[in-house]
Amino acid sequence: TPLARIRAEGGGALGTPATAPSIPLSVPPLVAPPSLPLVAPRAASGV
C-alpha cells in the first residue's frame, strides 16, 4: 500500500522547488525469514 507521495528532486539543490512528478512510497514485500517480533512490556503499555 502506498504510504506517502514523494515529489522527486528536479535536479536542483535540496530545498528548491521540485518539478518532477511525485512518486509513491510503499512497504516492500518482506521475503526473507523474519526478524524477532517483540511485545512491549506490560509496565509501559500505556505509553
All heavy atoms as atom14 arrays in JSON, in Angstrom:
{
  "sequence": "TPLARIRAEGGGALGTPATAPSIPLSVPPLVAPPSLPLVAPRAASGV",
  "atom14_mask": [
    [1, 1, 1, 1, 1, 1, 1, 0, 0, 0, 0, 0, 0, 0],
    [1, 1, 1, 1, 1, 1, 1, 0, 0, 0, 0, 0, 0, 0],
    [1, 1, 1, 1, 1, 1, 1, 1, 0, 0, 0, 0, 0, 0],
    [1, 1, 1, 1, 1, 0, 0, 0, 0, 0, 0, 0, 0, 0],
    [1, 1, 1, 1, 1, 1, 1, 1, 1, 1, 1, 0, 0, 0],
    [1, 1, 1, 1, 1, 1, 1, 1, 0, 0, 0, 0, 0, 0],
    [1, 1, 1, 1, 1, 1, 1, 1, 1, 1, 1, 0, 0, 0],
    [1, 1, 1, 1, 1, 0, 0, 0, 0, 0, 0, 0, 0, 0],
    [1, 1, 1, 1, 1, 1, 1, 1, 1, 0, 0, 0, 0, 0],
    [1, 1, 1, 1, 0, 0, 0, 0, 0, 0, 0, 0, 0, 0],
    [1, 1, 1, 1, 0, 0, 0, 0, 0, 0, 0, 0, 0, 0],
    [1, 1, 1, 1, 0, 0, 0, 0, 0, 0, 0, 0, 0, 0],
    [1, 1, 1, 1, 1, 0, 0, 0, 0, 0, 0, 0, 0, 0],
    [1, 1, 1, 1, 1, 1, 1, 1, 0, 0, 0, 0, 0, 0],
    [1, 1, 1, 1, 0, 0, 0, 0, 0, 0, 0, 0, 0, 0],
    [1, 1, 1, 1, 1, 1, 1, 0, 0, 0, 0, 0, 0, 0],
    [1, 1, 1, 1, 1, 1, 1, 0, 0, 0, 0, 0, 0, 0],
    [1, 1, 1, 1, 1, 0, 0, 0, 0, 0, 0, 0, 0, 0],
    [1, 1, 1, 1, 1, 1, 1, 0, 0, 0, 0, 0, 0, 0],
    [1, 1, 1, 1, 1, 0, 0, 0, 0, 0, 0, 0, 0, 0],
    [1, 1, 1, 1, 1, 1, 1, 0, 0, 0, 0, 0, 0, 0],
    [1, 1, 1, 1, 1, 1, 0, 0, 0, 0, 0, 0, 0, 0],
    [1, 1, 1, 1, 1, 1, 1, 1, 0, 0, 0, 0, 0, 0],
    [1, 1, 1, 1, 1, 1, 1, 0, 0, 0, 0, 0, 0, 0],
    [1, 1, 1, 1, 1, 1, 1, 1, 0, 0, 0, 0, 0, 0],
    [1, 1, 1, 1, 1, 1, 0, 0, 0, 0, 0, 0, 0, 0],
    [1, 1, 1, 1, 1, 1, 1, 0, 0, 0, 0, 0, 0, 0],
    [1, 1, 1, 1, 1, 1, 1, 0, 0, 0, 0, 0, 0, 0],
    [1, 1, 1, 1, 1, 1, 1, 0, 0, 0, 0, 0, 0, 0],
    [1, 1, 1, 1, 1, 1, 1, 1, 0, 0, 0, 0, 0, 0],
    [1, 1, 1, 1, 1, 1, 1, 0, 0, 0, 0, 0, 0, 0],
    [1, 1, 1, 1, 1, 0, 0, 0, 0, 0, 0, 0, 0, 0],
    [1, 1, 1, 1, 1, 1, 1, 0, 0, 0, 0, 0, 0, 0],
    [1, 1, 1, 1, 1, 1, 1, 0, 0, 0, 0, 0, 0, 0],
    [1, 1, 1, 1, 1, 1, 0, 0, 0, 0, 0, 0, 0, 0],
    [1, 1, 1, 1, 1, 1, 1, 1, 0, 0, 0, 0, 0, 0],
    [1, 1, 1, 1, 1, 1, 1, 0, 0, 0, 0, 0, 0, 0],
    [1, 1, 1, 1, 1, 1, 1, 1, 0, 0, 0, 0, 0, 0],
    [1, 1, 1, 1, 1, 1, 1, 0, 0, 0, 0, 0, 0, 0],
    [1, 1, 1, 1, 1, 0, 0, 0, 0, 0, 0, 0, 0, 0],
    [1, 1, 1, 1, 1, 1, 1, 0, 0, 0, 0, 0, 0, 0],
    [1, 1, 1, 1, 1, 1, 1, 1, 1, 1, 1, 0, 0, 0],
    [1, 1, 1, 1, 1, 0, 0, 0, 0, 0, 0, 0, 0, 0],
    [1, 1, 1, 1, 1, 0, 0, 0, 0, 0, 0, 0, 0, 0],
    [1, 1, 1, 1, 1, 1, 0, 0, 0, 0, 0, 0, 0, 0],
    [1, 1, 1, 1, 0, 0, 0, 0, 0, 0, 0, 0, 0, 0],
    [1, 1, 1, 1, 1, 1, 1, 0, 0, 0, 0, 0, 0, 0]
  ],
  "atom14_positions": [
    [[0.84, -1.2, 0.0], [0.0, 0.0, 0.0], [0.88, 1.25, 0.0], [1.82, 1.35, 0.8], [-0.9, 0.02, 1.25], [-1.75, -1.11, 1.24], [-1.75, 1.29, 1.29], [0.0, 0.0, 0.0], [0.0, 0.0, 0.0], [0.0, 0.0, 0.0], [0.0, 0.0, 0.0], [0.0, 0.0, 0.0], [0.0, 0.0, 0.0], [0.0, 0.0, 0.0]],
    [[0.61, 2.22, -0.88], [1.38, 3.48, -0.83], [1.24, 4.15, 0.53], [0.13, 4.26, 1.07], [0.75, 4.33, -1.93], [0.18, 3.33, -2.88], [-0.32, 2.2, -2.01], [0.0, 0.0, 0.0], [0.0, 0.0, 0.0], [0.0, 0.0, 0.0], [0.0, 0.0, 0.0], [0.0, 0.0, 0.0], [0.0, 0.0, 0.0], [0.0, 0.0, 0.0]],
    [[2.35, 4.58, 1.12], [2.36, 5.21, 2.42], [2.42, 6.73, 2.32], [1.9, 7.44, 3.18], [3.56, 4.73, 3.24], [3.68, 3.23, 3.45], [4.93, 2.91, 4.25], [2.46, 2.68, 4.14], [0.0, 0.0, 0.0], [0.0, 0.0, 0.0], [0.0, 0.0, 0.0], [0.0, 0.0, 0.0], [0.0, 0.0, 0.0], [0.0, 0.0, 0.0]],
    [[3.1, 7.21, 1.3], [3.26, 8.65, 1.13], [3.6, 8.93, -0.32], [3.92, 8.01, -1.08], [4.37, 9.18, 2.04], [0.0, 0.0, 0.0], [0.0, 0.0, 0.0], [0.0, 0.0, 0.0], [0.0, 0.0, 0.0], [0.0, 0.0, 0.0], [0.0, 0.0, 0.0], [0.0, 0.0, 0.0], [0.0, 0.0, 0.0], [0.0, 0.0, 0.0]],
    [[3.53, 10.21, -0.68], [3.96, 10.61, -2.01], [5.17, 11.52, -1.86], [5.17, 12.45, -1.06], [2.84, 11.32, -2.77], [1.66, 10.41, -3.06], [0.74, 11.0, -4.1], [1.36, 11.01, -5.42], [1.35, 9.95, -6.24], [0.79, 8.81, -5.87], [1.93, 10.02, -7.42], [0.0, 0.0, 0.0], [0.0, 0.0, 0.0], [0.0, 0.0, 0.0]],
    [[6.19, 11.21, -2.67], [7.44, 11.97, -2.64], [7.59, 12.69, -3.98], [7.58, 12.05, -5.04], [8.66, 11.05, -2.43], [8.44, 10.13, -1.22], [9.94, 11.87, -2.27], [8.28, 10.84, 0.09], [0.0, 0.0, 0.0], [0.0, 0.0, 0.0], [0.0, 0.0, 0.0], [0.0, 0.0, 0.0], [0.0, 0.0, 0.0], [0.0, 0.0, 0.0]],
    [[7.69, 14.02, -3.95], [7.92, 14.76, -5.18], [9.41, 14.69, -5.49], [10.23, 15.19, -4.73], [7.46, 16.2, -5.06], [7.66, 17.02, -6.34], [6.89, 18.32, -6.29], [5.44, 18.09, -6.36], [4.78, 17.88, -7.52], [5.43, 17.86, -8.66], [3.48, 17.69, -7.49], [0.0, 0.0, 0.0], [0.0, 0.0, 0.0], [0.0, 0.0, 0.0]],
    [[9.75, 14.04, -6.6], [11.15, 13.79, -6.93], [11.9, 15.09, -7.15], [11.37, 16.07, -7.66], [11.25, 12.92, -8.18], [0.0, 0.0, 0.0], [0.0, 0.0, 0.0], [0.0, 0.0, 0.0], [0.0, 0.0, 0.0], [0.0, 0.0, 0.0], [0.0, 0.0, 0.0], [0.0, 0.0, 0.0], [0.0, 0.0, 0.0], [0.0, 0.0, 0.0]],
    [[13.17, 15.07, -6.74], [14.03, 16.24, -6.89], [14.21, 16.55, -8.38], [14.49, 15.68, -9.19], [15.37, 15.97, -6.23], [16.28, 17.18, -6.13], [17.57, 16.83, -5.42], [17.75, 15.65, -5.06], [18.39, 17.73, -5.26], [0.0, 0.0, 0.0], [0.0, 0.0, 0.0], [0.0, 0.0, 0.0], [0.0, 0.0, 0.0], [0.0, 0.0, 0.0]],
    [[14.08, 17.82, -8.74], [14.12, 18.19, -10.15], [15.49, 18.57, -10.66], [15.62, 19.25, -11.68], [0.0, 0.0, 0.0], [0.0, 0.0, 0.0], [0.0, 0.0, 0.0], [0.0, 0.0, 0.0], [0.0, 0.0, 0.0], [0.0, 0.0, 0.0], [0.0, 0.0, 0.0], [0.0, 0.0, 0.0], [0.0, 0.0, 0.0], [0.0, 0.0, 0.0]],
    [[16.54, 18.15, -9.95], [17.89, 18.41, -10.42], [18.56, 19.55, -9.69], [19.77, 19.72, -9.77], [0.0, 0.0, 0.0], [0.0, 0.0, 0.0], [0.0, 0.0, 0.0], [0.0, 0.0, 0.0], [0.0, 0.0, 0.0], [0.0, 0.0, 0.0], [0.0, 0.0, 0.0], [0.0, 0.0, 0.0], [0.0, 0.0, 0.0], [0.0, 0.0, 0.0]],
    [[17.78, 20.39, -8.98], [18.36, 21.49, -8.23], [18.81, 21.03, -6.86], [18.7, 19.86, -6.5], [0.0, 0.0, 0.0], [0.0, 0.0, 0.0], [0.0, 0.0, 0.0], [0.0, 0.0, 0.0], [0.0, 0.0, 0.0], [0.0, 0.0, 0.0], [0.0, 0.0, 0.0], [0.0, 0.0, 0.0], [0.0, 0.0, 0.0], [0.0, 0.0, 0.0]],
    [[19.31, 21.98, -6.07], [19.76, 21.64, -4.73], [18.56, 21.35, -3.84], [17.45, 21.8, -4.09], [20.57, 22.81, -4.14], [0.0, 0.0, 0.0], [0.0, 0.0, 0.0], [0.0, 0.0, 0.0], [0.0, 0.0, 0.0], [0.0, 0.0, 0.0], [0.0, 0.0, 0.0], [0.0, 0.0, 0.0], [0.0, 0.0, 0.0], [0.0, 0.0, 0.0]],
    [[18.78, 20.57, -2.79], [17.71, 20.29, -1.84], [17.21, 21.6, -1.26], [17.97, 22.5, -0.93], [18.2, 19.37, -0.72], [18.47, 17.92, -1.09], [19.0, 17.17, 0.1], [17.22, 17.27, -1.61], [0.0, 0.0, 0.0], [0.0, 0.0, 0.0], [0.0, 0.0, 0.0], [0.0, 0.0, 0.0], [0.0, 0.0, 0.0], [0.0, 0.0, 0.0]],
    [[15.89, 21.71, -1.12], [15.3, 22.93, -0.6], [14.71, 23.8, -1.69], [13.99, 24.75, -1.41], [0.0, 0.0, 0.0], [0.0, 0.0, 0.0], [0.0, 0.0, 0.0], [0.0, 0.0, 0.0], [0.0, 0.0, 0.0], [0.0, 0.0, 0.0], [0.0, 0.0, 0.0], [0.0, 0.0, 0.0], [0.0, 0.0, 0.0], [0.0, 0.0, 0.0]],
    [[15.01, 23.49, -2.97], [14.43, 24.25, -4.07], [13.17, 23.57, -4.54], [12.98, 22.37, -4.33], [15.43, 24.35, -5.24], [15.73, 23.03, -5.7], [16.72, 25.02, -4.8], [0.0, 0.0, 0.0], [0.0, 0.0, 0.0], [0.0, 0.0, 0.0], [0.0, 0.0, 0.0], [0.0, 0.0, 0.0], [0.0, 0.0, 0.0], [0.0, 0.0, 0.0]],
    [[12.26, 24.29, -5.22], [11.04, 23.65, -5.71], [11.35, 22.52, -6.67], [12.24, 22.63, -7.51], [10.31, 24.81, -6.4], [10.86, 26.04, -5.77], [12.29, 25.72, -5.46], [0.0, 0.0, 0.0], [0.0, 0.0, 0.0], [0.0, 0.0, 0.0], [0.0, 0.0, 0.0], [0.0, 0.0, 0.0], [0.0, 0.0, 0.0], [0.0, 0.0, 0.0]],
    [[10.62, 21.42, -6.52], [10.82, 20.27, -7.41], [9.82, 20.32, -8.55], [8.7, 20.78, -8.4], [10.64, 18.98, -6.62], [0.0, 0.0, 0.0], [0.0, 0.0, 0.0], [0.0, 0.0, 0.0], [0.0, 0.0, 0.0], [0.0, 0.0, 0.0], [0.0, 0.0, 0.0], [0.0, 0.0, 0.0], [0.0, 0.0, 0.0], [0.0, 0.0, 0.0]],
    [[10.25, 19.85, -9.7], [9.38, 19.89, -10.87], [9.02, 18.51, -11.38], [8.13, 18.37, -12.2], [10.06, 20.67, -12.0], [11.32, 20.05, -12.32], [10.32, 22.11, -11.59], [0.0, 0.0, 0.0], [0.0, 0.0, 0.0], [0.0, 0.0, 0.0], [0.0, 0.0, 0.0], [0.0, 0.0, 0.0], [0.0, 0.0, 0.0], [0.0, 0.0, 0.0]],
    [[9.72, 17.5, -10.91], [9.46, 16.14, -11.39], [8.16, 15.62, -10.78], [7.7, 16.12, -9.76], [10.62, 15.22, -11.01], [0.0, 0.0, 0.0], [0.0, 0.0, 0.0], [0.0, 0.0, 0.0], [0.0, 0.0, 0.0], [0.0, 0.0, 0.0], [0.0, 0.0, 0.0], [0.0, 0.0, 0.0], [0.0, 0.0, 0.0], [0.0, 0.0, 0.0]],
    [[7.51, 14.62, -11.41], [6.27, 14.07, -10.86], [6.51, 13.38, -9.52], [7.62, 12.92, -9.24], [5.83, 13.06, -11.93], [7.07, 12.71, -12.66], [7.92, 13.94, -12.66], [0.0, 0.0, 0.0], [0.0, 0.0, 0.0], [0.0, 0.0, 0.0], [0.0, 0.0, 0.0], [0.0, 0.0, 0.0], [0.0, 0.0, 0.0], [0.0, 0.0, 0.0]],
    [[5.47, 13.31, -8.7], [5.59, 12.66, -7.4], [5.64, 11.15, -7.54], [5.15, 10.59, -8.5], [4.42, 13.07, -6.49], [3.19, 12.74, -7.09], [0.0, 0.0, 0.0], [0.0, 0.0, 0.0], [0.0, 0.0, 0.0], [0.0, 0.0, 0.0], [0.0, 0.0, 0.0], [0.0, 0.0, 0.0], [0.0, 0.0, 0.0], [0.0, 0.0, 0.0]],
    [[6.25, 10.48, -6.55], [6.49, 9.03, -6.59], [5.92, 8.41, -5.32], [6.17, 8.91, -4.22], [8.0, 8.74, -6.66], [8.61, 9.42, -7.9], [8.29, 7.25, -6.66], [10.11, 9.44, -7.89], [0.0, 0.0, 0.0], [0.0, 0.0, 0.0], [0.0, 0.0, 0.0], [0.0, 0.0, 0.0], [0.0, 0.0, 0.0], [0.0, 0.0, 0.0]],
    [[5.14, 7.33, -5.41], [4.59, 6.73, -4.2], [5.65, 5.95, -3.42], [6.53, 5.34, -4.0], [3.51, 5.78, -4.73], [3.94, 5.45, -6.12], [4.66, 6.67, -6.63], [0.0, 0.0, 0.0], [0.0, 0.0, 0.0], [0.0, 0.0, 0.0], [0.0, 0.0, 0.0], [0.0, 0.0, 0.0], [0.0, 0.0, 0.0], [0.0, 0.0, 0.0]],
    [[5.58, 6.02, -2.12], [6.43, 5.24, -1.22], [5.58, 4.17, -0.6], [4.52, 4.45, -0.05], [7.0, 6.15, -0.13], [7.62, 5.46, 1.1], [8.93, 4.81, 0.71], [7.82, 6.46, 2.21], [0.0, 0.0, 0.0], [0.0, 0.0, 0.0], [0.0, 0.0, 0.0], [0.0, 0.0, 0.0], [0.0, 0.0, 0.0], [0.0, 0.0, 0.0]],
    [[6.01, 2.91, -0.69], [5.21, 1.83, -0.11], [6.09, 0.85, 0.62], [7.32, 0.87, 0.51], [4.43, 1.09, -1.22], [5.32, 0.53, -2.15], [0.0, 0.0, 0.0], [0.0, 0.0, 0.0], [0.0, 0.0, 0.0], [0.0, 0.0, 0.0], [0.0, 0.0, 0.0], [0.0, 0.0, 0.0], [0.0, 0.0, 0.0], [0.0, 0.0, 0.0]],
    [[5.47, -0.04, 1.39], [6.2, -1.06, 2.12], [6.58, -2.17, 1.16], [5.71, -2.75, 0.52], [5.34, -1.65, 3.26], [6.13, -2.67, 4.05], [4.86, -0.54, 4.18], [0.0, 0.0, 0.0], [0.0, 0.0, 0.0], [0.0, 0.0, 0.0], [0.0, 0.0, 0.0], [0.0, 0.0, 0.0], [0.0, 0.0, 0.0], [0.0, 0.0, 0.0]],
    [[7.89, -2.51, 1.04], [8.27, -3.6, 0.15], [7.89, -4.94, 0.74], [7.79, -5.07, 1.96], [9.8, -3.46, 0.07], [10.17, -2.84, 1.37], [9.03, -1.92, 1.73], [0.0, 0.0, 0.0], [0.0, 0.0, 0.0], [0.0, 0.0, 0.0], [0.0, 0.0, 0.0], [0.0, 0.0, 0.0], [0.0, 0.0, 0.0], [0.0, 0.0, 0.0]],
    [[7.62, -5.96, -0.09], [7.36, -7.29, 0.45], [8.55, -7.79, 1.24], [9.7, -7.59, 0.83], [7.13, -8.14, -0.82], [6.82, -7.16, -1.89], [7.57, -5.91, -1.55], [0.0, 0.0, 0.0], [0.0, 0.0, 0.0], [0.0, 0.0, 0.0], [0.0, 0.0, 0.0], [0.0, 0.0, 0.0], [0.0, 0.0, 0.0], [0.0, 0.0, 0.0]],
    [[8.3, -8.43, 2.36], [9.36, -8.98, 3.18], [9.47, -10.46, 2.88], [8.61, -11.24, 3.25], [9.06, -8.75, 4.66], [8.77, -7.27, 5.03], [8.48, -7.15, 6.5], [9.94, -6.41, 4.63], [0.0, 0.0, 0.0], [0.0, 0.0, 0.0], [0.0, 0.0, 0.0], [0.0, 0.0, 0.0], [0.0, 0.0, 0.0], [0.0, 0.0, 0.0]],
    [[10.53, -10.85, 2.17], [10.61, -12.21, 1.67], [11.6, -13.06, 2.44], [11.62, -14.26, 2.29], [10.99, -12.21, 0.18], [9.93, -11.52, -0.64], [12.35, -11.53, -0.05], [0.0, 0.0, 0.0], [0.0, 0.0, 0.0], [0.0, 0.0, 0.0], [0.0, 0.0, 0.0], [0.0, 0.0, 0.0], [0.0, 0.0, 0.0], [0.0, 0.0, 0.0]],
    [[12.45, -12.45, 3.26], [13.43, -13.23, 4.0], [12.81, -13.73, 5.3], [11.77, -13.23, 5.73], [14.65, -12.38, 4.29], [0.0, 0.0, 0.0], [0.0, 0.0, 0.0], [0.0, 0.0, 0.0], [0.0, 0.0, 0.0], [0.0, 0.0, 0.0], [0.0, 0.0, 0.0], [0.0, 0.0, 0.0], [0.0, 0.0, 0.0], [0.0, 0.0, 0.0]],
    [[13.44, -14.73, 5.96], [12.94, -15.16, 7.26], [12.88, -13.98, 8.22], [13.62, -13.03, 8.1], [13.98, -16.19, 7.7], [14.48, -16.75, 6.45], [14.53, -15.58, 5.51], [0.0, 0.0, 0.0], [0.0, 0.0, 0.0], [0.0, 0.0, 0.0], [0.0, 0.0, 0.0], [0.0, 0.0, 0.0], [0.0, 0.0, 0.0], [0.0, 0.0, 0.0]],
    [[12.0, -14.04, 9.2], [11.66, -12.86, 9.98], [12.69, -12.44, 10.98], [13.5, -13.23, 11.45], [10.39, -13.31, 10.71], [10.57, -14.78, 10.85], [11.24, -15.22, 9.59], [0.0, 0.0, 0.0], [0.0, 0.0, 0.0], [0.0, 0.0, 0.0], [0.0, 0.0, 0.0], [0.0, 0.0, 0.0], [0.0, 0.0, 0.0], [0.0, 0.0, 0.0]],
    [[12.66, -11.16, 11.3], [13.33, -10.7, 12.49], [12.42, -11.03, 13.66], [11.29, -11.45, 13.48], [13.58, -9.19, 12.42], [12.36, -8.51, 12.25], [0.0, 0.0, 0.0], [0.0, 0.0, 0.0], [0.0, 0.0, 0.0], [0.0, 0.0, 0.0], [0.0, 0.0, 0.0], [0.0, 0.0, 0.0], [0.0, 0.0, 0.0], [0.0, 0.0, 0.0]],
    [[12.91, -10.82, 14.86], [12.19, -11.28, 16.04], [11.09, -10.33, 16.46], [11.35, -9.17, 16.77], [13.19, -11.43, 17.2], [12.67, -12.12, 18.45], [12.24, -13.53, 18.14], [13.74, -12.11, 19.51], [0.0, 0.0, 0.0], [0.0, 0.0, 0.0], [0.0, 0.0, 0.0], [0.0, 0.0, 0.0], [0.0, 0.0, 0.0], [0.0, 0.0, 0.0]],
    [[9.82, -10.77, 16.44], [8.77, -9.88, 16.91], [8.89, -9.67, 18.42], [9.23, -10.58, 19.16], [7.47, -10.65, 16.58], [7.88, -11.72, 15.63], [9.31, -12.04, 15.94], [0.0, 0.0, 0.0], [0.0, 0.0, 0.0], [0.0, 0.0, 0.0], [0.0, 0.0, 0.0], [0.0, 0.0, 0.0], [0.0, 0.0, 0.0], [0.0, 0.0, 0.0]],
    [[8.61, -8.48, 18.87], [8.71, -8.17, 20.28], [7.37, -7.69, 20.8], [6.59, -7.06, 20.09], [9.74, -7.06, 20.51], [11.16, -7.36, 20.02], [12.05, -6.18, 20.29], [11.71, -8.6, 20.69], [0.0, 0.0, 0.0], [0.0, 0.0, 0.0], [0.0, 0.0, 0.0], [0.0, 0.0, 0.0], [0.0, 0.0, 0.0], [0.0, 0.0, 0.0]],
    [[7.08, -7.97, 22.05], [5.88, -7.47, 22.7], [6.32, -6.45, 23.74], [7.22, -6.7, 24.53], [5.11, -8.62, 23.38], [3.93, -8.08, 24.15], [4.65, -9.62, 22.33], [0.0, 0.0, 0.0], [0.0, 0.0, 0.0], [0.0, 0.0, 0.0], [0.0, 0.0, 0.0], [0.0, 0.0, 0.0], [0.0, 0.0, 0.0], [0.0, 0.0, 0.0]],
    [[5.71, -5.3, 23.75], [6.08, -4.26, 24.7], [5.83, -4.74, 26.12], [4.89, -5.46, 26.39], [5.26, -3.0, 24.44], [0.0, 0.0, 0.0], [0.0, 0.0, 0.0], [0.0, 0.0, 0.0], [0.0, 0.0, 0.0], [0.0, 0.0, 0.0], [0.0, 0.0, 0.0], [0.0, 0.0, 0.0], [0.0, 0.0, 0.0], [0.0, 0.0, 0.0]],
    [[6.68, -4.33, 27.08], [6.48, -4.72, 28.48], [5.15, -4.19, 28.99], [4.73, -3.1, 28.64], [7.65, -4.02, 29.2], [8.62, -3.65, 28.14], [7.85, -3.48, 26.89], [0.0, 0.0, 0.0], [0.0, 0.0, 0.0], [0.0, 0.0, 0.0], [0.0, 0.0, 0.0], [0.0, 0.0, 0.0], [0.0, 0.0, 0.0], [0.0, 0.0, 0.0]],
    [[4.51, -4.97, 29.85], [3.22, -4.56, 30.38], [3.31, -3.22, 31.12], [2.41, -2.4, 31.06], [2.69, -5.64, 31.33], [2.38, -6.95, 30.62], [1.7, -7.92, 31.59], [1.38, -9.17, 30.94], [2.18, -10.23, 30.95], [3.34, -10.17, 31.57], [1.82, -11.34, 30.36], [0.0, 0.0, 0.0], [0.0, 0.0, 0.0], [0.0, 0.0, 0.0]],
    [[4.44, -3.0, 31.79], [4.57, -1.78, 32.58], [4.55, -0.52, 31.73], [4.25, 0.56, 32.2], [5.88, -1.81, 33.39], [0.0, 0.0, 0.0], [0.0, 0.0, 0.0], [0.0, 0.0, 0.0], [0.0, 0.0, 0.0], [0.0, 0.0, 0.0], [0.0, 0.0, 0.0], [0.0, 0.0, 0.0], [0.0, 0.0, 0.0], [0.0, 0.0, 0.0]],
    [[4.89, -0.66, 30.41], [4.97, 0.52, 29.55], [3.84, 0.54, 28.54], [3.86, 1.32, 27.6], [6.31, 0.54, 28.83], [0.0, 0.0, 0.0], [0.0, 0.0, 0.0], [0.0, 0.0, 0.0], [0.0, 0.0, 0.0], [0.0, 0.0, 0.0], [0.0, 0.0, 0.0], [0.0, 0.0, 0.0], [0.0, 0.0, 0.0], [0.0, 0.0, 0.0]],
    [[2.82, -0.31, 28.71], [1.8, -0.46, 27.69], [0.97, 0.79, 27.48], [0.38, 0.99, 26.43], [0.88, -1.64, 28.03], [0.27, -1.41, 29.29], [0.0, 0.0, 0.0], [0.0, 0.0, 0.0], [0.0, 0.0, 0.0], [0.0, 0.0, 0.0], [0.0, 0.0, 0.0], [0.0, 0.0, 0.0], [0.0, 0.0, 0.0], [0.0, 0.0, 0.0]],
    [[0.91, 1.68, 28.48], [0.11, 2.88, 28.34], [0.86, 4.06, 27.76], [0.29, 5.13, 27.61], [0.0, 0.0, 0.0], [0.0, 0.0, 0.0], [0.0, 0.0, 0.0], [0.0, 0.0, 0.0], [0.0, 0.0, 0.0], [0.0, 0.0, 0.0], [0.0, 0.0, 0.0], [0.0, 0.0, 0.0], [0.0, 0.0, 0.0], [0.0, 0.0, 0.0]],
    [[2.13, 3.89, 27.44], [2.96, 4.97, 26.92], [2.99, 4.9, 25.41], [3.22, 3.84, 24.83], [4.39, 4.87, 27.5], [5.27, 5.98, 26.94], [4.35, 4.94, 29.01], [0.0, 0.0, 0.0], [0.0, 0.0, 0.0], [0.0, 0.0, 0.0], [0.0, 0.0, 0.0], [0.0, 0.0, 0.0], [0.0, 0.0, 0.0], [0.0, 0.0, 0.0]]
  ]
}
